[in-house]
Amino acid sequence: MKKRVLAAVLATMMAATMMAGCGKSETKSEAKKDSYTIGIEQFAEHGSLDNCREGFLKGLEDEGIKEGKNLKVKYKNAAADMGTAGQISDSFVSDKVDLICAIATPSAQSAYNAAMDKDIPVIYTAVTDPVSAELADKDGEAVGNTTGTSDKLPIKEQLEMIRKMLPDAKKIGIMYTTSEANSVSAIKEYESLVKDYGFTLVKKGISTTADVSLAADDLLSKVDCITNLTDNTVVSSLPTILDKANAKKIPVFGSEIEQVKIGCLAAEGLDYIALGEQTGKMAAQVLKGEKKAEEMNYETIKKPGFYVNKKVASNLGIKVPDELSKSAVESFDEITASKKADK
């Protein structure tokens, strides 16, 4: 009798162990998949974020994950509205996507909050300061099942470049959205550095795109030039700012290549397609089960490039120093129309 009980117990334990093993192999984070469904949440419509999305998909494709082949993409744009961003994040979680790609700080924060208790990794890009956005700790480590890339601005290099191009300028203006953590962080760094280059910083905070026109009029009445951040609300309305600045012959400096293409004078900025590609490769590691998002520190592109629009310089009567002109990654001889994201 005792032998029969012992045998039954052993059989039960073995069955339980096998079931546990099977259950573990089928968890979402460890199961091997032949195809994937991801959600891409983009906070606003403008060229730099479009380029991030394009680069992200290219980065995935480089790693063998291609849309239409083994990848289904659900893309939604929040149109610079935090409420909409929250709805998008919730919908992706409800759809049980395999991964959320969040483009820009507000979308990254929204996606992280929606997915934090779910088995859905969030990979972000175009987040200026992941630490201030509470997506990483001070050592760059993830605070949850999330990681990605930062588009931290090369502010020191930007100020050096502006001083070389405008040797007599005294006041630099910046318009920014007071609720965007990325912009608040960049403003603090500007405040700590402007005096080193003989500038005074003039700030103008806004809440929505509806504030941009009047804020631009006020700011342009007080400054010698404007330098632009990667602020999503402001960048979405950059053509309005440029029209007003051009009428007053006041130069506007950008923060990346797309802003220079559409009419900013110059930028020490980032290549957002390259940033997106880097992010896509990180996401591929997560999708393939090679790494978990929570195990990966966020990454940055450390070397900025100089971009200049010679047509704008000519219109403003500004000579680009030979030193800068020779170092340009890319120069433009025309002003292109603002690029819009696909609906």
C-alpha atoms as a PDB file:
ATOM      1  CA  MET A   1       0.000   0.000   0.000  1.00  0.00           C
ATOM      2  CA  LYS A   2       2.793   2.357   0.951  1.00  0.00           C
ATOM      3  CA  LYS A   3       4.577   1.606  -2.307  1.00  0.00           C
ATOM      4  CA  ARG A   4       1.420   2.462  -4.280  1.00  0.00           C
ATOM      5  CA  VAL A   5       1.001   5.804  -2.441  1.00  0.00           C
ATOM      6  CA  LEU A   6       4.657   6.682  -2.970  1.00  0.00           C
ATOM      7  CA  ALA A   7       4.399   5.874  -6.659  1.00  0.00           C
ATOM      8  CA  ALA A   8       1.277   7.990  -6.997  1.00  0.00           C
ATOM      9  CA  VAL A   9       2.949  10.911  -5.250  1.00  0.00           C
ATOM     10  CA  LEU A  10       5.996  10.658  -7.473  1.00  0.00           C
ATOM     11  CA  ALA A  11       3.830  10.494 -10.588  1.00  0.00           C
ATOM     12  CA  THR A  12       1.888  13.572  -9.472  1.00  0.00           C
ATOM     13  CA  MET A  13       5.102  15.523  -8.795  1.00  0.00           C
ATOM     14  CA  MET A  14       6.537  14.601 -12.192  1.00  0.00           C
ATOM     15  CA  ALA A  15       3.326  15.631 -13.954  1.00  0.00           C
ATOM     16  CA  ALA A  16       3.264  18.946 -12.103  1.00  0.00           C
ATOM     17  CA  THR A  17       6.890  19.597 -13.002  1.00  0.00           C
ATOM     18  CA  MET A  18       6.226  18.863 -16.670  1.00  0.00           C
ATOM     19  CA  MET A  19       3.168  21.140 -16.685  1.00  0.00           C
ATOM     20  CA  ALA A  20       5.117  23.938 -15.021  1.00  0.00           C
ATOM     21  CA  GLY A  21       7.871  23.532 -17.580  1.00  0.00           C
ATOM     22  CA  CYS A  22       5.362  23.683 -20.422  1.00  0.00           C
ATOM     23  CA  GLY A  23       3.684  26.725 -18.937  1.00  0.00           C
ATOM     24  CA  LYS A  24       6.999  28.536 -18.625  1.00  0.00           C
ATOM     25  CA  SER A  25       8.004  27.869 -22.202  1.00  0.00           C
ATOM     26  CA  GLU A  26       4.797  29.446 -23.416  1.00  0.00           C
ATOM     27  CA  THR A  27       5.047  32.761 -21.572  1.00  0.00           C
ATOM     28  CA  LYS A  28       4.929  35.759 -23.858  1.00  0.00           C
ATOM     29  CA  SER A  29       8.429  36.948 -23.014  1.00  0.00           C
ATOM     30  CA  GLU A  30      10.107  33.594 -23.756  1.00  0.00           C
ATOM     31  CA  ALA A  31       8.018  31.910 -26.459  1.00  0.00           C
ATOM     32  CA  LYS A  32       9.520  31.740 -29.920  1.00  0.00           C
ATOM     33  CA  LYS A  33       7.322  33.356 -32.568  1.00  0.00           C
ATOM     34  CA  ASP A  34       7.249  33.276 -36.330  1.00  0.00           C
ATOM     35  CA  SER A  35       5.548  36.670 -36.612  1.00  0.00           C
ATOM     36  CA  TYR A  36       4.948  39.745 -34.476  1.00  0.00           C
ATOM     37  CA  THR A  37       2.382  42.478 -33.985  1.00  0.00           C
ATOM     38  CA  ILE A  38       3.614  45.815 -32.669  1.00  0.00           C
ATOM     39  CA  GLY A  39       1.996  49.153 -31.916  1.00  0.00           C
ATOM     40  CA  ILE A  40       3.743  52.380 -32.904  1.00  0.00           C
ATOM     41  CA  GLU A  41       2.517  55.410 -30.992  1.00  0.00           C
ATOM     42  CA  GLN A  42       3.803  58.738 -32.317  1.00  0.00           C
ATOM     43  CA  PHE A  43       3.024  61.836 -30.298  1.00  0.00           C
ATOM     44  CA  ALA A  44       2.908  64.462 -33.059  1.00  0.00           C
ATOM     45  CA  GLU A  45       3.170  65.052 -36.783  1.00  0.00           C
ATOM     46  CA  HIS A  46       6.528  66.465 -37.790  1.00  0.00           C
ATOM     47  CA  GLY A  47       9.579  65.425 -39.775  1.00  0.00           C
ATOM     48  CA  SER A  48      11.935  64.332 -37.007  1.00  0.00           C
ATOM     49  CA  LEU A  49       9.396  61.946 -35.468  1.00  0.00           C
ATOM     50  CA  ASP A  50       8.440  60.660 -38.920  1.00  0.00           C
ATOM     51  CA  ASN A  51      12.118  59.927 -39.499  1.00  0.00           C
ATOM     52  CA  CYS A  52      12.298  58.066 -36.190  1.00  0.00           C
ATOM     53  CA  ARG A  53       9.426  55.845 -37.283  1.00  0.00           C
ATOM     54  CA  GLU A  54      10.992  55.221 -40.681  1.00  0.00           C
ATOM     55  CA  GLY A  55      14.350  54.391 -39.095  1.00  0.00           C
ATOM     56  CA  PHE A  56      12.739  52.151 -36.477  1.00  0.00           C
ATOM     57  CA  LEU A  57      11.114  49.951 -39.115  1.00  0.00           C
ATOM     58  CA  LYS A  58      14.377  49.857 -41.061  1.00  0.00           C
ATOM     59  CA  GLY A  59      16.249  48.778 -37.928  1.00  0.00           C
ATOM     60  CA  LEU A  60      13.774  45.934 -37.424  1.00  0.00           C
ATOM     61  CA  GLU A  61      14.064  44.945 -41.086  1.00  0.00           C
ATOM     62  CA  ASP A  62      17.854  44.849 -40.830  1.00  0.00           C
ATOM     63  CA  GLU A  63      17.358  42.252 -38.102  1.00  0.00           C
ATOM     64  CA  GLY A  64      14.990  40.135 -40.206  1.00  0.00           C
ATOM     65  CA  ILE A  65      11.671  41.516 -38.936  1.00  0.00           C
ATOM     66  CA  LYS A  66       9.880  43.073 -41.909  1.00  0.00           C
ATOM     67  CA  GLU A  67       6.437  44.623 -42.200  1.00  0.00           C
ATOM     68  CA  GLY A  68       4.205  42.572 -44.483  1.00  0.00           C
ATOM     69  CA  LYS A  69       6.375  39.486 -44.083  1.00  0.00           C
ATOM     70  CA  ASN A  70       6.589  38.554 -40.407  1.00  0.00           C
ATOM     71  CA  LEU A  71       5.534  41.862 -38.862  1.00  0.00           C
ATOM     72  CA  LYS A  72       2.146  43.552 -38.499  1.00  0.00           C
ATOM     73  CA  VAL A  73       2.287  47.226 -37.535  1.00  0.00           C
ATOM     74  CA  LYS A  74      -0.505  49.193 -35.873  1.00  0.00           C
ATOM     75  CA  TYR A  75       0.347  52.887 -36.201  1.00  0.00           C
ATOM     76  CA  LYS A  76      -1.449  55.712 -34.399  1.00  0.00           C
ATOM     77  CA  ASN A  77      -0.648  59.413 -34.007  1.00  0.00           C
ATOM     78  CA  ALA A  78      -1.711  61.397 -30.941  1.00  0.00           C
ATOM     79  CA  ALA A  79      -1.661  64.777 -32.754  1.00  0.00           C
ATOM     80  CA  ALA A  80       0.185  66.329 -29.777  1.00  0.00           C
ATOM     81  CA  ASP A  81      -2.704  65.579 -27.390  1.00  0.00           C
ATOM     82  CA  MET A  82      -1.960  63.814 -24.096  1.00  0.00           C
ATOM     83  CA  GLY A  83      -5.506  62.507 -23.760  1.00  0.00           C
ATOM     84  CA  THR A  84      -5.289  60.907 -27.191  1.00  0.00           C
ATOM     85  CA  ALA A  85      -1.888  59.455 -26.326  1.00  0.00           C
ATOM     86  CA  GLY A  86      -3.413  57.748 -23.296  1.00  0.00           C
ATOM     87  CA  GLN A  87      -6.214  56.276 -25.388  1.00  0.00           C
ATOM     88  CA  ILE A  88      -3.721  54.951 -27.942  1.00  0.00           C
ATOM     89  CA  SER A  89      -1.572  53.332 -25.268  1.00  0.00           C
ATOM     90  CA  ASP A  90      -4.606  51.687 -23.675  1.00  0.00           C
ATOM     91  CA  SER A  91      -5.788  50.394 -27.057  1.00  0.00           C
ATOM     92  CA  PHE A  92      -2.420  48.763 -27.784  1.00  0.00           C
ATOM     93  CA  VAL A  93      -2.455  47.093 -24.369  1.00  0.00           C
ATOM     94  CA  SER A  94      -6.026  45.920 -24.971  1.00  0.00           C
ATOM     95  CA  ASP A  95      -4.945  44.504 -28.343  1.00  0.00           C
ATOM     96  CA  LYS A  96      -2.158  42.599 -26.553  1.00  0.00           C
ATOM     97  CA  VAL A  97       0.519  43.645 -29.018  1.00  0.00           C
ATOM     98  CA  ASP A  98       3.939  42.041 -28.674  1.00  0.00           C
ATOM     99  CA  LEU A  99       5.693  45.401 -28.211  1.00  0.00           C
ATOM    100  CA  ILE A 100       4.916  49.123 -28.173  1.00  0.00           C
ATOM    101  CA  CYS A 101       7.251  51.579 -29.881  1.00  0.00           C
ATOM    102  CA  ALA A 102       6.640  55.013 -28.351  1.00  0.00           C
ATOM    103  CA  ILE A 103       7.994  58.009 -30.274  1.00  0.00           C
ATOM    104  CA  ALA A 104       8.621  61.159 -28.163  1.00  0.00           C
ATOM    105  CA  THR A 105       8.528  61.679 -24.406  1.00  0.00           C
ATOM    106  CA  PRO A 106       4.765  62.123 -23.814  1.00  0.00           C
ATOM    107  CA  SER A 107       3.965  58.948 -25.741  1.00  0.00           C
ATOM    108  CA  ALA A 108       6.738  57.054 -23.976  1.00  0.00           C
ATOM    109  CA  GLN A 109       5.370  58.044 -20.569  1.00  0.00           C
ATOM    110  CA  SER A 110       1.825  57.174 -21.636  1.00  0.00           C
ATOM    111  CA  ALA A 111       2.804  53.767 -23.033  1.00  0.00           C
ATOM    112  CA  TYR A 112       4.891  52.923 -19.981  1.00  0.00           C
ATOM    113  CA  ASN A 113       2.025  53.754 -17.611  1.00  0.00           C
ATOM    114  CA  ALA A 114      -0.452  51.683 -19.656  1.00  0.00           C
ATOM    115  CA  ALA A 115       1.815  48.641 -20.020  1.00  0.00           C
ATOM    116  CA  MET A 116       3.701  48.663 -16.706  1.00  0.00           C
ATOM    117  CA  ASP A 117       1.618  45.843 -15.154  1.00  0.00           C
ATOM    118  CA  LYS A 118       1.325  43.886 -18.395  1.00  0.00           C
ATOM    119  CA  ASP A 119       3.724  41.569 -20.196  1.00  0.00           C
ATOM    120  CA  ILE A 120       4.237  44.105 -22.993  1.00  0.00           C
ATOM    121  CA  PRO A 121       7.653  45.749 -23.439  1.00  0.00           C
ATOM    122  CA  VAL A 122       7.847  49.437 -24.358  1.00  0.00           C
ATOM    123  CA  ILE A 123      10.719  50.623 -26.560  1.00  0.00           C
ATOM    124  CA  TYR A 124      10.912  54.412 -26.824  1.00  0.00           C
ATOM    125  CA  THR A 125      12.787  56.822 -29.045  1.00  0.00           C
ATOM    126  CA  ALA A 126      13.183  60.620 -29.279  1.00  0.00           C
ATOM    127  CA  VAL A 127      13.058  60.948 -25.488  1.00  0.00           C
ATOM    128  CA  THR A 128      15.407  63.765 -24.536  1.00  0.00           C
ATOM    129  CA  ASP A 129      15.871  62.905 -20.863  1.00  0.00           C
ATOM    130  CA  PRO A 130      14.685  59.418 -19.842  1.00  0.00           C
ATOM    131  CA  VAL A 131      15.711  60.074 -16.234  1.00  0.00           C
ATOM    132  CA  SER A 132      13.595  63.219 -15.872  1.00  0.00           C
ATOM    133  CA  ALA A 133      10.779  61.424 -17.694  1.00  0.00           C
ATOM    134  CA  GLU A 134      11.043  58.692 -15.003  1.00  0.00           C
ATOM    135  CA  LEU A 135      11.722  56.010 -17.599  1.00  0.00           C
ATOM    136  CA  ALA A 136      15.220  55.277 -16.274  1.00  0.00           C
ATOM    137  CA  ASP A 137      17.197  55.796 -13.092  1.00  0.00           C
ATOM    138  CA  LYS A 138      20.218  58.075 -12.727  1.00  0.00           C
ATOM    139  CA  ASP A 139      22.532  55.263 -13.903  1.00  0.00           C
ATOM    140  CA  GLY A 140      20.563  54.829 -17.142  1.00  0.00           C
ATOM    141  CA  GLU A 141      18.987  51.560 -16.068  1.00  0.00           C
ATOM    142  CA  ALA A 142      15.344  50.842 -16.883  1.00  0.00           C
ATOM    143  CA  VAL A 143      12.745  51.375 -14.165  1.00  0.00           C
ATOM    144  CA  GLY A 144      10.437  48.756 -15.669  1.00  0.00           C
ATOM    145  CA  ASN A 145       9.930  46.731 -18.817  1.00  0.00           C
ATOM    146  CA  THR A 146      11.030  49.643 -20.984  1.00  0.00           C
ATOM    147  CA  THR A 147      14.124  50.972 -22.740  1.00  0.00           C
ATOM    148  CA  GLY A 148      15.038  52.895 -25.870  1.00  0.00           C
ATOM    149  CA  THR A 149      17.030  55.822 -27.210  1.00  0.00           C
ATOM    150  CA  SER A 150      17.506  59.426 -26.166  1.00  0.00           C
ATOM    151  CA  ASP A 151      17.705  62.402 -28.518  1.00  0.00           C
ATOM    152  CA  LYS A 152      19.483  64.564 -25.966  1.00  0.00           C
ATOM    153  CA  LEU A 153      20.433  67.824 -27.624  1.00  0.00           C
ATOM    154  CA  PRO A 154      24.100  68.839 -28.096  1.00  0.00           C
ATOM    155  CA  ILE A 155      23.423  72.193 -26.433  1.00  0.00           C
ATOM    156  CA  LYS A 156      27.051  73.184 -25.879  1.00  0.00           C
ATOM    157  CA  GLU A 157      27.868  72.595 -29.556  1.00  0.00           C
ATOM    158  CA  GLN A 158      24.712  74.466 -30.587  1.00  0.00           C
ATOM    159  CA  LEU A 159      25.694  77.546 -28.578  1.00  0.00           C
ATOM    160  CA  GLU A 160      29.229  77.469 -29.965  1.00  0.00           C
ATOM    161  CA  MET A 161      27.846  77.335 -33.494  1.00  0.00           C
ATOM    162  CA  ILE A 162      25.384  80.197 -32.936  1.00  0.00           C
ATOM    163  CA  ARG A 163      28.129  82.399 -31.524  1.00  0.00           C
ATOM    164  CA  LYS A 164      30.304  81.759 -34.595  1.00  0.00           C
ATOM    165  CA  MET A 165      27.454  82.577 -36.970  1.00  0.00           C
ATOM    166  CA  LEU A 166      26.127  85.587 -35.023  1.00  0.00           C
ATOM    167  CA  PRO A 167      29.127  87.212 -33.323  1.00  0.00           C
ATOM    168  CA  ASP A 168      27.132  90.288 -32.248  1.00  0.00           C
ATOM    169  CA  ALA A 169      23.975  88.551 -30.951  1.00  0.00           C
ATOM    170  CA  LYS A 170      23.094  89.054 -27.298  1.00  0.00           C
ATOM    171  CA  LYS A 171      19.694  87.489 -26.637  1.00  0.00           C
ATOM    172  CA  ILE A 172      18.600  83.966 -27.601  1.00  0.00           C
ATOM    173  CA  GLY A 173      14.911  83.059 -27.447  1.00  0.00           C
ATOM    174  CA  ILE A 174      13.405  79.631 -26.827  1.00  0.00           C
ATOM    175  CA  MET A 175       9.738  78.666 -27.015  1.00  0.00           C
ATOM    176  CA  TYR A 176       8.809  75.496 -25.147  1.00  0.00           C
ATOM    177  CA  THR A 177       5.850  73.518 -23.835  1.00  0.00           C
ATOM    178  CA  THR A 178       5.761  73.747 -20.056  1.00  0.00           C
ATOM    179  CA  SER A 179       4.255  70.259 -19.671  1.00  0.00           C
ATOM    180  CA  GLU A 180       6.889  68.460 -21.770  1.00  0.00           C
ATOM    181  CA  ALA A 181       9.573  66.990 -19.488  1.00  0.00           C
ATOM    182  CA  ASN A 182      12.035  66.834 -22.372  1.00  0.00           C
ATOM    183  CA  SER A 183      11.772  70.578 -22.982  1.00  0.00           C
ATOM    184  CA  VAL A 184      11.978  71.534 -19.308  1.00  0.00           C
ATOM    185  CA  SER A 185      15.164  69.479 -19.022  1.00  0.00           C
ATOM    186  CA  ALA A 186      16.726  71.132 -22.090  1.00  0.00           C
ATOM    187  CA  ILE A 187      15.819  74.609 -20.824  1.00  0.00           C
ATOM    188  CA  LYS A 188      17.701  73.953 -17.578  1.00  0.00           C
ATOM    189  CA  GLU A 189      20.825  73.004 -19.509  1.00  0.00           C
ATOM    190  CA  TYR A 190      20.551  76.097 -21.709  1.00  0.00           C
ATOM    191  CA  GLU A 191      20.233  78.254 -18.596  1.00  0.00           C
ATOM    192  CA  SER A 192      23.421  76.765 -17.173  1.00  0.00           C
ATOM    193  CA  LEU A 193      25.460  77.356 -20.359  1.00  0.00           C
ATOM    194  CA  VAL A 194      24.320  80.529 -22.161  1.00  0.00           C
ATOM    195  CA  LYS A 195      26.461  82.915 -20.110  1.00  0.00           C
ATOM    196  CA  ASP A 196      29.598  81.017 -21.111  1.00  0.00           C
ATOM    197  CA  TYR A 197      28.966  82.197 -24.673  1.00  0.00           C
ATOM    198  CA  GLY A 198      27.911  85.758 -23.873  1.00  0.00           C
ATOM    199  CA  PHE A 199      24.183  85.224 -24.331  1.00  0.00           C
ATOM    200  CA  THR A 200      21.083  86.016 -22.307  1.00  0.00           C
ATOM    201  CA  LEU A 201      18.290  83.451 -22.523  1.00  0.00           C
ATOM    202  CA  VAL A 202      14.696  84.612 -23.083  1.00  0.00           C
ATOM    203  CA  LYS A 203      12.120  81.854 -22.491  1.00  0.00           C
ATOM    204  CA  LYS A 204       8.499  81.679 -23.575  1.00  0.00           C
ATOM    205  CA  GLY A 205       6.344  78.869 -22.249  1.00  0.00           C
ATOM    206  CA  ILE A 206       3.201  77.636 -24.006  1.00  0.00           C
ATOM    207  CA  SER A 207       0.543  75.014 -23.289  1.00  0.00           C
ATOM    208  CA  THR A 208      -0.939  74.178 -26.712  1.00  0.00           C
ATOM    209  CA  THR A 209      -0.435  74.905 -30.399  1.00  0.00           C
ATOM    210  CA  ALA A 210      -3.074  77.628 -30.078  1.00  0.00           C
ATOM    211  CA  ASP A 211      -0.562  79.637 -27.999  1.00  0.00           C
ATOM    212  CA  VAL A 212       2.211  79.560 -30.611  1.00  0.00           C
ATOM    213  CA  SER A 213       1.292  82.564 -32.768  1.00  0.00           C
ATOM    214  CA  LEU A 214       1.041  85.138 -29.969  1.00  0.00           C
ATOM    215  CA  ALA A 215       3.997  83.627 -28.126  1.00  0.00           C
ATOM    216  CA  ALA A 216       6.118  83.916 -31.269  1.00  0.00           C
ATOM    217  CA  ASP A 217       5.200  87.591 -31.705  1.00  0.00           C
ATOM    218  CA  ASP A 218       6.171  88.317 -28.108  1.00  0.00           C
ATOM    219  CA  LEU A 219       9.415  86.352 -28.239  1.00  0.00           C
ATOM    220  CA  LEU A 220      10.556  87.847 -31.544  1.00  0.00           C
ATOM    221  CA  SER A 221      10.143  91.357 -30.138  1.00  0.00           C
ATOM    222  CA  LYS A 222      12.777  90.616 -27.472  1.00  0.00           C
ATOM    223  CA  VAL A 223      15.555  88.551 -29.081  1.00  0.00           C
ATOM    224  CA  ASP A 224      18.283  88.528 -31.735  1.00  0.00           C
ATOM    225  CA  CYS A 225      17.653  84.913 -32.691  1.00  0.00           C
ATOM    226  CA  ILE A 226      15.655  81.836 -31.706  1.00  0.00           C
ATOM    227  CA  THR A 227      16.998  78.356 -31.078  1.00  0.00           C
ATOM    228  CA  ASN A 228      14.546  75.515 -31.310  1.00  0.00           C
ATOM    229  CA  LEU A 229      14.277  72.409 -29.135  1.00  0.00           C
ATOM    230  CA  THR A 230      12.847  68.991 -29.981  1.00  0.00           C
ATOM    231  CA  ASP A 231       9.638  70.206 -28.326  1.00  0.00           C
ATOM    232  CA  ASN A 232       6.806  68.366 -30.075  1.00  0.00           C
ATOM    233  CA  THR A 233       4.140  71.069 -29.811  1.00  0.00           C
ATOM    234  CA  VAL A 234       6.498  73.813 -30.977  1.00  0.00           C
ATOM    235  CA  VAL A 235       7.987  71.775 -33.828  1.00  0.00           C
ATOM    236  CA  SER A 236       4.502  70.973 -35.083  1.00  0.00           C
ATOM    237  CA  SER A 237       3.968  74.739 -35.481  1.00  0.00           C
ATOM    238  CA  LEU A 238       7.459  75.598 -36.709  1.00  0.00           C
ATOM    239  CA  PRO A 239       6.285  76.937 -40.118  1.00  0.00           C
ATOM    240  CA  THR A 240       4.256  79.602 -38.273  1.00  0.00           C
ATOM    241  CA  ILE A 241       7.283  80.636 -36.212  1.00  0.00           C
ATOM    242  CA  LEU A 242       9.515  80.718 -39.289  1.00  0.00           C
ATOM    243  CA  ASP A 243       7.084  82.930 -41.229  1.00  0.00           C
ATOM    244  CA  LYS A 244       7.010  85.469 -38.418  1.00  0.00           C
ATOM    245  CA  ALA A 245      10.790  85.334 -37.860  1.00  0.00           C
ATOM    246  CA  ASN A 246      11.562  85.755 -41.576  1.00  0.00           C
ATOM    247  CA  ALA A 247       9.349  88.834 -41.717  1.00  0.00           C
ATOM    248  CA  LYS A 248      11.539  90.387 -39.013  1.00  0.00           C
ATOM    249  CA  LYS A 249      14.816  89.012 -40.450  1.00  0.00           C
ATOM    250  CA  ILE A 250      15.482  87.121 -37.240  1.00  0.00           C
ATOM    251  CA  PRO A 251      17.312  83.779 -37.674  1.00  0.00           C
ATOM    252  CA  VAL A 252      15.863  80.592 -36.216  1.00  0.00           C
ATOM    253  CA  PHE A 253      18.226  77.736 -35.424  1.00  0.00           C
ATOM    254  CA  GLY A 254      16.935  74.169 -35.473  1.00  0.00           C
ATOM    255  CA  SER A 255      17.767  71.050 -33.501  1.00  0.00           C
ATOM    256  CA  GLU A 256      17.868  68.497 -36.333  1.00  0.00           C
ATOM    257  CA  ILE A 257      18.076  68.074 -40.095  1.00  0.00           C
ATOM    258  CA  GLU A 258      14.343  68.294 -40.942  1.00  0.00           C
ATOM    259  CA  GLN A 259      14.021  71.684 -39.246  1.00  0.00           C
ATOM    260  CA  VAL A 260      16.909  73.007 -41.335  1.00  0.00           C
ATOM    261  CA  LYS A 261      15.321  71.668 -44.516  1.00  0.00           C
ATOM    262  CA  ILE A 262      12.079  73.580 -43.918  1.00  0.00           C
ATOM    263  CA  GLY A 263      13.679  76.926 -43.097  1.00  0.00           C
ATOM    264  CA  CYS A 264      15.804  77.031 -39.951  1.00  0.00           C
ATOM    265  CA  LEU A 265      19.205  78.579 -40.594  1.00  0.00           C
ATOM    266  CA  ALA A 266      21.365  75.807 -39.135  1.00  0.00           C
ATOM    267  CA  ALA A 267      21.628  73.179 -36.432  1.00  0.00           C
ATOM    268  CA  GLU A 268      24.119  71.118 -34.505  1.00  0.00           C
ATOM    269  CA  GLY A 269      21.670  68.284 -34.502  1.00  0.00           C
ATOM    270  CA  LEU A 270      20.858  64.626 -34.790  1.00  0.00           C
ATOM    271  CA  ASP A 271      20.015  62.269 -37.613  1.00  0.00           C
ATOM    272  CA  TYR A 272      16.632  60.923 -36.526  1.00  0.00           C
ATOM    273  CA  ILE A 273      16.563  58.127 -39.084  1.00  0.00           C
ATOM    274  CA  ALA A 274      19.802  56.794 -37.581  1.00  0.00           C
ATOM    275  CA  LEU A 275      18.322  57.185 -34.099  1.00  0.00           C
ATOM    276  CA  GLY A 276      15.253  55.215 -35.176  1.00  0.00           C
ATOM    277  CA  GLU A 277      17.395  52.461 -36.702  1.00  0.00           C
ATOM    278  CA  GLN A 278      19.315  52.110 -33.450  1.00  0.00           C
ATOM    279  CA  THR A 279      16.003  51.806 -31.601  1.00  0.00           C
ATOM    280  CA  GLY A 280      14.682  49.228 -34.068  1.00  0.00           C
ATOM    281  CA  LYS A 281      17.702  47.009 -33.482  1.00  0.00           C
ATOM    282  CA  MET A 282      17.089  47.192 -29.735  1.00  0.00           C
ATOM    283  CA  ALA A 283      13.443  46.244 -30.269  1.00  0.00           C
ATOM    284  CA  ALA A 284      14.463  43.286 -32.435  1.00  0.00           C
ATOM    285  CA  GLN A 285      16.512  41.864 -29.570  1.00  0.00           C
ATOM    286  CA  VAL A 286      13.469  42.065 -27.316  1.00  0.00           C
ATOM    287  CA  LEU A 287      11.058  40.557 -29.845  1.00  0.00           C
ATOM    288  CA  LYS A 288      13.423  37.662 -30.563  1.00  0.00           C
ATOM    289  CA  GLY A 289      13.778  36.945 -26.851  1.00  0.00           C
ATOM    290  CA  GLU A 290      17.507  37.675 -26.865  1.00  0.00           C
ATOM    291  CA  LYS A 291      17.125  40.308 -24.139  1.00  0.00           C
ATOM    292  CA  LYS A 292      14.402  41.787 -21.974  1.00  0.00           C
ATOM    293  CA  ALA A 293      13.780  45.520 -22.157  1.00  0.00           C
ATOM    294  CA  GLU A 294      14.297  45.820 -18.411  1.00  0.00           C
ATOM    295  CA  GLU A 295      17.842  44.458 -18.830  1.00  0.00           C
ATOM    296  CA  MET A 296      18.913  47.143 -21.332  1.00  0.00           C
ATOM    297  CA  ASN A 297      20.124  50.656 -20.515  1.00  0.00           C
ATOM    298  CA  TYR A 298      18.846  53.416 -22.773  1.00  0.00           C
ATOM    299  CA  GLU A 299      21.215  54.515 -25.543  1.00  0.00           C
ATOM    300  CA  THR A 300      22.152  57.803 -27.232  1.00  0.00           C
ATOM    301  CA  ILE A 301      23.755  58.991 -30.454  1.00  0.00           C
ATOM    302  CA  LYS A 302      26.695  60.924 -29.107  1.00  0.00           C
ATOM    303  CA  LYS A 303      28.108  62.770 -32.125  1.00  0.00           C
ATOM    304  CA  PRO A 304      25.997  65.612 -33.574  1.00  0.00           C
ATOM    305  CA  GLY A 305      26.285  66.870 -37.121  1.00  0.00           C
ATOM    306  CA  PHE A 306      26.232  70.409 -38.522  1.00  0.00           C
ATOM    307  CA  TYR A 307      23.435  71.145 -40.991  1.00  0.00           C
ATOM    308  CA  VAL A 308      22.948  74.483 -42.741  1.00  0.00           C
ATOM    309  CA  ASN A 309      20.446  76.009 -45.154  1.00  0.00           C
ATOM    310  CA  LYS A 310      22.377  78.305 -47.486  1.00  0.00           C
ATOM    311  CA  LYS A 311      19.179  79.696 -49.013  1.00  0.00           C
ATOM    312  CA  VAL A 312      18.046  80.913 -45.575  1.00  0.00           C
ATOM    313  CA  ALA A 313      21.488  82.374 -44.883  1.00  0.00           C
ATOM    314  CA  SER A 314      21.330  84.295 -48.150  1.00  0.00           C
ATOM    315  CA  ASN A 315      17.815  85.576 -47.422  1.00  0.00           C
ATOM    316  CA  LEU A 316      18.947  86.824 -44.012  1.00  0.00           C
ATOM    317  CA  GLY A 317      22.234  88.278 -45.281  1.00  0.00           C
ATOM    318  CA  ILE A 318      24.285  85.987 -43.032  1.00  0.00           C
ATOM    319  CA  LYS A 319      27.659  84.601 -44.121  1.00  0.00           C
ATOM    320  CA  VAL A 320      28.327  81.053 -42.966  1.00  0.00           C
ATOM    321  CA  PRO A 321      31.919  80.890 -41.642  1.00  0.00           C
ATOM    322  CA  ASP A 322      34.173  78.735 -43.816  1.00  0.00           C
ATOM    323  CA  GLU A 323      35.080  76.612 -40.802  1.00  0.00           C
ATOM    324  CA  LEU A 324      31.443  75.611 -40.324  1.00  0.00           C
ATOM    325  CA  SER A 325      30.626  75.334 -44.013  1.00  0.00           C
ATOM    326  CA  LYS A 326      33.443  72.828 -44.564  1.00  0.00           C
ATOM    327  CA  SER A 327      32.350  70.736 -41.580  1.00  0.00           C
ATOM    328  CA  ALA A 328      28.697  70.472 -42.683  1.00  0.00           C
ATOM    329  CA  VAL A 329      27.254  66.977 -42.872  1.00  0.00           C
ATOM    330  CA  GLU A 330      24.704  68.360 -45.283  1.00  0.00           C
ATOM    331  CA  SER A 331      23.908  71.772 -46.822  1.00  0.00           C
ATOM    332  CA  PHE A 332      20.652  72.815 -48.468  1.00  0.00           C
ATOM    333  CA  ASP A 333      20.187  75.345 -51.248  1.00  0.00           C
ATOM    334  CA  GLU A 334      16.407  75.541 -50.995  1.00  0.00           C
ATOM    335  CA  ILE A 335      13.605  75.564 -48.454  1.00  0.00           C
ATOM    336  CA  THR A 336      11.322  72.538 -48.608  1.00  0.00           C
ATOM    337  CA  ALA A 337       7.731  72.188 -47.480  1.00  0.00           C
ATOM    338  CA  SER A 338       7.088  70.864 -43.994  1.00  0.00           C
ATOM    339  CA  LYS A 339       6.883  67.068 -43.965  1.00  0.00           C
ATOM    340  CA  LYS A 340       3.709  65.525 -42.531  1.00  0.00           C
ATOM    341  CA  ALA A 341       3.245  62.097 -41.053  1.00  0.00           C
ATOM    342  CA  ASP A 342       0.939  59.628 -42.790  1.00  0.00           C
ATOM    343  CA  LYS A 343      -2.561  59.616 -41.376  1.00  0.00           C
END
